[in-house]
Amino acid sequence: MGKCKHITRLLSDALDRPLTAGEWIAIGVHLPTCSGCRNYRRHIGLLRAASQEISGTGGSRDAREEQ
């Protein structure tokens, strides 16, 4: 479980900051073997997209600037 906790933290961090190459490698090695972490990645992506849609911050920057 410790490994999954680390990977889910990195997946969350990736939404807010650029990850290092080593962090992406750790994720890439772990995800193929862990359905729980793959599901977590999918769910946080869906939640982020939904929150951006609701707040009006979704879509491309250019599309927002044209409005």
N, C-alpha and C. Protein backbone atom coordinates (compact mmCIF):
# COMPACT_ATOMS: atom_id res chain seq x y z
N MET A 1 0.82 -1.20 0.00
CA MET A 1 0.00 0.00 0.00
C MET A 1 0.86 1.26 0.00
N GLY A 2 2.04 1.21 0.56
CA GLY A 2 2.92 2.37 0.58
C GLY A 2 3.26 2.86 -0.82
N LYS A 3 3.48 1.93 -1.72
CA LYS A 3 3.80 2.29 -3.10
C LYS A 3 2.61 2.99 -3.75
N CYS A 4 1.41 2.49 -3.54
CA CYS A 4 0.21 3.11 -4.11
C CYS A 4 0.00 4.51 -3.54
N LYS A 5 0.25 4.69 -2.26
CA LYS A 5 0.10 6.01 -1.66
C LYS A 5 1.05 7.00 -2.33
N HIS A 6 2.28 6.57 -2.58
CA HIS A 6 3.26 7.43 -3.24
C HIS A 6 2.82 7.76 -4.67
N ILE A 7 2.36 6.77 -5.39
CA ILE A 7 1.95 6.97 -6.79
C ILE A 7 0.72 7.86 -6.87
N THR A 8 -0.27 7.65 -6.02
CA THR A 8 -1.45 8.51 -6.07
C THR A 8 -1.09 9.95 -5.70
N ARG A 9 -0.13 10.13 -4.81
CA ARG A 9 0.34 11.49 -4.47
C ARG A 9 0.97 12.13 -5.70
N LEU A 10 1.79 11.36 -6.43
CA LEU A 10 2.41 11.89 -7.64
C LEU A 10 1.36 12.23 -8.70
N LEU A 11 0.36 11.37 -8.85
CA LEU A 11 -0.69 11.65 -9.82
C LEU A 11 -1.44 12.92 -9.47
N SER A 12 -1.68 13.15 -8.20
CA SER A 12 -2.32 14.39 -7.76
C SER A 12 -1.39 15.58 -7.99
N ASP A 13 -0.14 15.42 -7.65
CA ASP A 13 0.84 16.50 -7.84
C ASP A 13 0.94 16.89 -9.31
N ALA A 14 0.82 15.93 -10.20
CA ALA A 14 0.95 16.19 -11.64
C ALA A 14 -0.12 17.17 -12.13
N LEU A 15 -1.21 17.30 -11.41
CA LEU A 15 -2.24 18.25 -11.79
C LEU A 15 -1.82 19.68 -11.45
N ASP A 16 -0.89 19.84 -10.54
CA ASP A 16 -0.52 21.17 -10.05
C ASP A 16 0.90 21.61 -10.39
N ARG A 17 1.75 20.66 -10.73
CA ARG A 17 3.14 21.02 -11.01
C ARG A 17 3.74 20.01 -12.00
N PRO A 18 4.78 20.44 -12.70
CA PRO A 18 5.47 19.49 -13.58
C PRO A 18 6.21 18.44 -12.74
N LEU A 19 6.08 17.19 -13.14
CA LEU A 19 6.80 16.13 -12.45
C LEU A 19 8.18 15.95 -13.08
N THR A 20 9.10 15.42 -12.30
CA THR A 20 10.43 15.12 -12.83
C THR A 20 10.36 13.85 -13.67
N ALA A 21 11.40 13.62 -14.43
CA ALA A 21 11.47 12.40 -15.25
C ALA A 21 11.40 11.16 -14.35
N GLY A 22 12.08 11.20 -13.22
CA GLY A 22 12.06 10.07 -12.30
C GLY A 22 10.67 9.79 -11.74
N GLU A 23 9.93 10.85 -11.48
CA GLU A 23 8.57 10.67 -10.98
C GLU A 23 7.67 10.05 -12.05
N TRP A 24 7.81 10.50 -13.31
CA TRP A 24 7.03 9.90 -14.39
C TRP A 24 7.41 8.44 -14.60
N ILE A 25 8.68 8.13 -14.45
CA ILE A 25 9.12 6.74 -14.60
C ILE A 25 8.49 5.88 -13.51
N ALA A 26 8.49 6.37 -12.27
CA ALA A 26 7.87 5.62 -11.17
C ALA A 26 6.40 5.35 -11.45
N ILE A 27 5.72 6.34 -11.98
CA ILE A 27 4.30 6.17 -12.32
C ILE A 27 4.16 5.15 -13.44
N GLY A 28 4.99 5.31 -14.48
CA GLY A 28 4.91 4.43 -15.64
C GLY A 28 5.21 2.97 -15.33
N VAL A 29 6.06 2.74 -14.35
CA VAL A 29 6.38 1.37 -13.96
C VAL A 29 5.26 0.78 -13.11
N HIS A 30 4.65 1.60 -12.29
CA HIS A 30 3.64 1.10 -11.35
C HIS A 30 2.25 0.89 -11.99
N LEU A 31 1.82 1.83 -12.83
CA LEU A 31 0.45 1.77 -13.34
C LEU A 31 0.07 0.50 -14.09
N PRO A 32 0.94 -0.07 -14.91
CA PRO A 32 0.53 -1.30 -15.61
C PRO A 32 0.19 -2.46 -14.68
N THR A 33 0.69 -2.42 -13.46
CA THR A 33 0.46 -3.55 -12.55
C THR A 33 -0.59 -3.25 -11.48
N CYS A 34 -1.16 -2.04 -11.48
CA CYS A 34 -2.06 -1.67 -10.38
C CYS A 34 -3.35 -1.04 -10.90
N SER A 35 -4.40 -1.82 -10.89
CA SER A 35 -5.69 -1.30 -11.38
C SER A 35 -6.25 -0.22 -10.46
N GLY A 36 -5.95 -0.28 -9.17
CA GLY A 36 -6.42 0.74 -8.25
C GLY A 36 -5.86 2.11 -8.58
N CYS A 37 -4.58 2.18 -8.86
CA CYS A 37 -3.95 3.45 -9.21
C CYS A 37 -4.38 3.93 -10.60
N ARG A 38 -4.60 3.00 -11.52
CA ARG A 38 -5.13 3.39 -12.84
C ARG A 38 -6.52 3.99 -12.69
N ASN A 39 -7.34 3.38 -11.86
CA ASN A 39 -8.68 3.92 -11.61
C ASN A 39 -8.61 5.29 -10.95
N TYR A 40 -7.70 5.46 -10.01
CA TYR A 40 -7.51 6.75 -9.35
C TYR A 40 -7.15 7.82 -10.38
N ARG A 41 -6.21 7.50 -11.26
CA ARG A 41 -5.81 8.46 -12.30
C ARG A 41 -7.00 8.85 -13.17
N ARG A 42 -7.79 7.87 -13.55
CA ARG A 42 -8.96 8.14 -14.39
C ARG A 42 -9.96 9.02 -13.64
N HIS A 43 -10.21 8.71 -12.38
CA HIS A 43 -11.19 9.46 -11.61
C HIS A 43 -10.76 10.90 -11.34
N ILE A 44 -9.49 11.12 -11.01
CA ILE A 44 -9.09 12.51 -10.76
C ILE A 44 -9.13 13.32 -12.06
N GLY A 45 -8.89 12.66 -13.18
CA GLY A 45 -9.01 13.35 -14.47
C GLY A 45 -10.45 13.74 -14.75
N LEU A 46 -11.37 12.84 -14.47
CA LEU A 46 -12.79 13.14 -14.67
C LEU A 46 -13.26 14.25 -13.73
N LEU A 47 -12.83 14.19 -12.48
CA LEU A 47 -13.21 15.23 -11.52
C LEU A 47 -12.66 16.59 -11.93
N ARG A 48 -11.43 16.61 -12.39
CA ARG A 48 -10.85 17.89 -12.82
C ARG A 48 -11.59 18.45 -14.02
N ALA A 49 -11.88 17.61 -15.00
CA ALA A 49 -12.60 18.05 -16.18
C ALA A 49 -14.00 18.56 -15.81
N ALA A 50 -14.68 17.85 -14.91
CA ALA A 50 -16.02 18.27 -14.49
C ALA A 50 -15.96 19.61 -13.76
N SER A 51 -15.00 19.78 -12.88
CA SER A 51 -14.91 21.04 -12.14
C SER A 51 -14.55 22.19 -13.06
N GLN A 52 -13.72 21.95 -14.06
CA GLN A 52 -13.39 23.00 -15.02
C GLN A 52 -14.61 23.36 -15.86
N GLU A 53 -15.38 22.38 -16.23
CA GLU A 53 -16.59 22.62 -17.02
C GLU A 53 -17.59 23.45 -16.22
N ILE A 54 -17.79 23.08 -14.98
CA ILE A 54 -18.74 23.79 -14.12
C ILE A 54 -18.29 25.23 -13.86
N SER A 55 -16.99 25.41 -13.65
CA SER A 55 -16.48 26.75 -13.33
C SER A 55 -16.25 27.60 -14.57
N GLY A 56 -16.36 27.00 -15.74
CA GLY A 56 -16.15 27.75 -16.98
C GLY A 56 -14.69 27.91 -17.35
N THR A 57 -13.81 27.16 -16.71
CA THR A 57 -12.39 27.26 -17.03
C THR A 57 -11.92 26.14 -17.94
N GLY A 58 -12.83 25.30 -18.42
CA GLY A 58 -12.45 24.20 -19.31
C GLY A 58 -12.17 24.71 -20.70
N GLY A 59 -11.65 23.87 -21.54
CA GLY A 59 -11.36 24.23 -22.92
C GLY A 59 -9.99 24.85 -23.05
N SER A 60 -9.70 25.29 -24.25
CA SER A 60 -8.37 25.86 -24.51
C SER A 60 -8.31 27.32 -24.08
N ARG A 61 -7.13 27.78 -23.83
CA ARG A 61 -6.92 29.18 -23.43
C ARG A 61 -7.38 30.12 -24.54
N ASP A 62 -7.10 29.76 -25.80
CA ASP A 62 -7.49 30.62 -26.91
C ASP A 62 -8.99 30.79 -26.99
N ALA A 63 -9.74 29.71 -26.75
CA ALA A 63 -11.20 29.78 -26.80
C ALA A 63 -11.72 30.71 -25.70
N ARG A 64 -11.09 30.69 -24.54
CA ARG A 64 -11.54 31.56 -23.45
C ARG A 64 -11.22 33.02 -23.76
N GLU A 65 -10.10 33.28 -24.40
CA GLU A 65 -9.70 34.64 -24.69
C GLU A 65 -10.58 35.28 -25.74
N GLU A 66 -11.18 34.46 -26.63
CA GLU A 66 -12.04 34.98 -27.68
C GLU A 66 -13.38 35.45 -27.14
N GLN A 67 -13.78 34.99 -25.97
CA GLN A 67 -15.10 35.34 -25.44
C GLN A 67 -15.16 36.73 -24.91
